[in-house]
Amino acid sequence: MKFKDFGRGARIELSHMAKRLGMKFIGYNPSAQQVSLEHKGKGVTFNLDEFIECYQKIQSTI
């Protein structure tokens, strides 16, 4: 799955997703398809596919 950089709207949605997972959104790299997050004071980078998959798993259990 390859996403383009859709601008501010996509970043806002990724930020909301991270917040629901208990993380802080730092940034999105469209060329590398990576999402940077902060969790418990440490920086973490996920591939976009992994992040969305993790989010969907957690949302389906709620």
Protein backbone atom coordinates (compact mmCIF):
# COMPACT_ATOMS: atom_id res chain seq x y z
CA MET A 1 0.00 0.00 0.00
CA LYS A 2 1.57 3.31 -1.08
CA PHE A 3 0.24 6.63 0.19
CA LYS A 4 1.08 10.02 -1.19
CA ASP A 5 1.50 13.04 1.01
CA PHE A 6 -2.03 14.40 1.24
CA GLY A 7 -0.91 17.31 3.37
CA ARG A 8 -2.19 18.60 6.63
CA GLY A 9 -5.38 16.53 6.70
CA ALA A 10 -3.48 13.24 6.60
CA ARG A 11 -1.13 14.41 9.32
CA ILE A 12 -4.05 15.42 11.52
CA GLU A 13 -5.67 12.01 11.07
CA LEU A 14 -2.38 10.22 11.86
CA SER A 15 -2.09 12.40 14.95
CA HIS A 16 -5.58 11.37 16.11
CA MET A 17 -4.76 7.72 15.50
CA ALA A 18 -1.55 7.98 17.52
CA LYS A 19 -3.36 9.72 20.36
CA ARG A 20 -5.94 6.90 20.53
CA LEU A 21 -3.03 4.45 20.82
CA GLY A 22 -1.50 6.45 23.69
CA MET A 23 1.34 7.90 21.62
CA LYS A 24 2.30 11.36 20.41
CA PHE A 25 2.58 12.00 16.67
CA ILE A 26 5.90 13.52 15.63
CA GLY A 27 5.84 13.35 11.84
CA TYR A 28 5.20 11.50 8.60
CA ASN A 29 7.75 10.83 5.86
CA PRO A 30 5.85 10.23 2.59
CA SER A 31 8.91 9.18 0.58
CA ALA A 32 9.88 6.44 3.07
CA GLN A 33 6.25 5.70 4.07
CA GLN A 34 7.12 6.02 7.78
CA VAL A 35 5.35 7.48 10.78
CA SER A 36 7.39 8.86 13.68
CA LEU A 37 5.84 8.70 17.12
CA GLU A 38 6.79 9.27 20.75
CA HIS A 39 5.91 6.60 23.29
CA LYS A 40 6.89 6.95 26.96
CA GLY A 41 9.46 9.61 26.09
CA LYS A 42 11.19 7.60 23.37
CA GLY A 43 10.99 8.11 19.63
CA VAL A 44 9.64 5.23 17.57
CA THR A 45 9.38 4.91 13.80
CA PHE A 46 6.86 2.58 12.15
CA ASN A 47 6.22 1.75 8.53
CA LEU A 48 2.88 3.23 7.62
CA ASP A 49 1.37 -0.19 6.86
CA GLU A 50 2.40 -1.55 10.27
CA PHE A 51 1.02 1.49 12.06
CA ILE A 52 -2.36 1.26 10.33
CA GLU A 53 -2.53 -2.51 10.90
CA CYS A 54 -1.76 -2.06 14.61
CA TYR A 55 -4.37 0.69 14.88
CA GLN A 56 -7.03 -1.44 13.20
CA LYS A 57 -6.31 -4.40 15.50
CA ILE A 58 -6.67 -2.27 18.61
CA GLN A 59 -9.80 -0.52 17.36
CA SER A 60 -11.47 -3.85 16.55
CA THR A 61 -10.97 -5.03 20.16
CA ILE A 62 -12.59 -1.93 21.66
